[in-house]
């Protein structure tokens, strides 16, 4: 059972994506996906879920999103609008 808050009014992720995302958050694992939209969804949602840890001054944590996609500006815009980082 996933405890992640996902707004599914505009986008409905697959159950497997939600389950993988939940496990990656709980167990700190790396997930491998083939679909570009799945990769972007999981990465951005995980960043959004962990943003409170990223913002904490005492943790000294950072997030790095690496992509080989030519549409990296789209990912930046999604991250800018979906998170407050």
C-alpha atoms as a PDB file:
ATOM      1  CA  UNK A   1       0.000   0.000   0.000  1.00  0.00           C
ATOM      2  CA  UNK A   2       1.433   3.322  -1.036  1.00  0.00           C
ATOM      3  CA  UNK A   3       1.305   6.387   1.194  1.00  0.00           C
ATOM      4  CA  UNK A   4       2.320   8.791  -1.569  1.00  0.00           C
ATOM      5  CA  UNK A   5      -0.022  11.630  -2.472  1.00  0.00           C
ATOM      6  CA  UNK A   6      -0.605  11.595  -6.221  1.00  0.00           C
ATOM      7  CA  UNK A   7      -3.032  13.896  -7.972  1.00  0.00           C
ATOM      8  CA  UNK A   8      -4.616  11.755 -10.683  1.00  0.00           C
ATOM      9  CA  UNK A   9      -6.920  14.365 -12.235  1.00  0.00           C
ATOM     10  CA  UNK A  10      -4.605  15.006 -15.188  1.00  0.00           C
ATOM     11  CA  UNK A  11      -2.328  11.979 -15.136  1.00  0.00           C
ATOM     12  CA  UNK A  12      -2.970   8.454 -13.925  1.00  0.00           C
ATOM     13  CA  UNK A  13       0.219   6.512 -13.241  1.00  0.00           C
ATOM     14  CA  UNK A  14       0.312   2.758 -13.459  1.00  0.00           C
ATOM     15  CA  UNK A  15      -0.002   0.819 -10.217  1.00  0.00           C
ATOM     16  CA  UNK A  16       3.463  -0.625 -10.785  1.00  0.00           C
ATOM     17  CA  UNK A  17       4.963   2.881 -11.024  1.00  0.00           C
ATOM     18  CA  UNK A  18       3.364   3.895  -7.745  1.00  0.00           C
ATOM     19  CA  UNK A  19       4.598   0.717  -6.096  1.00  0.00           C
ATOM     20  CA  UNK A  20       8.146   1.208  -7.423  1.00  0.00           C
ATOM     21  CA  UNK A  21       8.114   4.818  -6.289  1.00  0.00           C
ATOM     22  CA  UNK A  22       6.940   3.834  -2.826  1.00  0.00           C
ATOM     23  CA  UNK A  23       9.673   1.185  -2.503  1.00  0.00           C
ATOM     24  CA  UNK A  24      12.362   3.540  -3.754  1.00  0.00           C
ATOM     25  CA  UNK A  25      11.363   6.110  -1.138  1.00  0.00           C
ATOM     26  CA  UNK A  26      11.149   3.621   1.739  1.00  0.00           C
ATOM     27  CA  UNK A  27      14.192   1.490   0.918  1.00  0.00           C
ATOM     28  CA  UNK A  28      16.427   3.958  -0.946  1.00  0.00           C
ATOM     29  CA  UNK A  29      16.672   1.814  -4.083  1.00  0.00           C
ATOM     30  CA  UNK A  30      17.304   2.639  -7.718  1.00  0.00           C
ATOM     31  CA  UNK A  31      14.524   1.804 -10.154  1.00  0.00           C
ATOM     32  CA  UNK A  32      14.984   1.129 -13.864  1.00  0.00           C
ATOM     33  CA  UNK A  33      12.202   2.051 -16.279  1.00  0.00           C
ATOM     34  CA  UNK A  34      12.012   2.011 -20.058  1.00  0.00           C
ATOM     35  CA  UNK A  35       9.345   4.628 -20.695  1.00  0.00           C
ATOM     36  CA  UNK A  36      10.402   8.281 -20.727  1.00  0.00           C
ATOM     37  CA  UNK A  37       7.190   9.426 -19.079  1.00  0.00           C
ATOM     38  CA  UNK A  38       7.563   6.812 -16.342  1.00  0.00           C
ATOM     39  CA  UNK A  39      11.120   7.917 -15.663  1.00  0.00           C
ATOM     40  CA  UNK A  40      10.160  11.578 -15.465  1.00  0.00           C
ATOM     41  CA  UNK A  41       7.113  10.888 -13.304  1.00  0.00           C
ATOM     42  CA  UNK A  42       9.007   8.735 -10.808  1.00  0.00           C
ATOM     43  CA  UNK A  43      12.023  11.027 -10.608  1.00  0.00           C
ATOM     44  CA  UNK A  44       9.999  14.215 -10.182  1.00  0.00           C
ATOM     45  CA  UNK A  45       7.581  12.646  -7.710  1.00  0.00           C
ATOM     46  CA  UNK A  46      10.446  11.274  -5.630  1.00  0.00           C
ATOM     47  CA  UNK A  47      12.127  14.696  -5.613  1.00  0.00           C
ATOM     48  CA  UNK A  48       8.811  16.228  -4.569  1.00  0.00           C
ATOM     49  CA  UNK A  49       8.327  13.654  -1.783  1.00  0.00           C
ATOM     50  CA  UNK A  50      11.860  14.173  -0.429  1.00  0.00           C
ATOM     51  CA  UNK A  51      11.956  17.949  -0.841  1.00  0.00           C
ATOM     52  CA  UNK A  52      11.580  18.513   2.917  1.00  0.00           C
ATOM     53  CA  UNK A  53      14.870  16.647   3.440  1.00  0.00           C
ATOM     54  CA  UNK A  54      16.549  18.544   0.621  1.00  0.00           C
ATOM     55  CA  UNK A  55      15.518  21.894   2.127  1.00  0.00           C
ATOM     56  CA  UNK A  56      16.663  21.028   5.677  1.00  0.00           C
ATOM     57  CA  UNK A  57      19.815  22.986   6.471  1.00  0.00           C
ATOM     58  CA  UNK A  58      21.284  20.403   8.865  1.00  0.00           C
ATOM     59  CA  UNK A  59      21.123  17.504   6.371  1.00  0.00           C
ATOM     60  CA  UNK A  60      23.338  18.960   3.637  1.00  0.00           C
ATOM     61  CA  UNK A  61      21.494  16.870   1.039  1.00  0.00           C
ATOM     62  CA  UNK A  62      21.216  17.698  -2.631  1.00  0.00           C
ATOM     63  CA  UNK A  63      19.391  16.286  -5.630  1.00  0.00           C
ATOM     64  CA  UNK A  64      20.901  15.758  -9.053  1.00  0.00           C
ATOM     65  CA  UNK A  65      18.687  14.943 -12.024  1.00  0.00           C
ATOM     66  CA  UNK A  66      20.682  13.664 -14.991  1.00  0.00           C
ATOM     67  CA  UNK A  67      19.065  13.222 -18.375  1.00  0.00           C
ATOM     68  CA  UNK A  68      20.312  12.569 -21.876  1.00  0.00           C
ATOM     69  CA  UNK A  69      17.107  13.955 -23.301  1.00  0.00           C
ATOM     70  CA  UNK A  70      17.125  16.965 -25.570  1.00  0.00           C
ATOM     71  CA  UNK A  71      14.041  18.217 -23.731  1.00  0.00           C
ATOM     72  CA  UNK A  72      15.824  18.921 -20.447  1.00  0.00           C
ATOM     73  CA  UNK A  73      14.156  22.336 -20.309  1.00  0.00           C
ATOM     74  CA  UNK A  74      10.798  20.535 -20.069  1.00  0.00           C
ATOM     75  CA  UNK A  75      12.041  18.567 -17.071  1.00  0.00           C
ATOM     76  CA  UNK A  76      13.312  21.779 -15.495  1.00  0.00           C
ATOM     77  CA  UNK A  77       9.915  23.430 -15.992  1.00  0.00           C
ATOM     78  CA  UNK A  78       8.100  20.445 -14.508  1.00  0.00           C
ATOM     79  CA  UNK A  79      10.399  20.451 -11.498  1.00  0.00           C
ATOM     80  CA  UNK A  80      10.009  24.197 -11.066  1.00  0.00           C
ATOM     81  CA  UNK A  81       6.208  24.068 -11.112  1.00  0.00           C
ATOM     82  CA  UNK A  82       5.695  20.779  -9.243  1.00  0.00           C
ATOM     83  CA  UNK A  83       8.158  21.440  -6.420  1.00  0.00           C
ATOM     84  CA  UNK A  84       9.208  24.544  -4.575  1.00  0.00           C
ATOM     85  CA  UNK A  85      12.911  23.861  -5.027  1.00  0.00           C
END
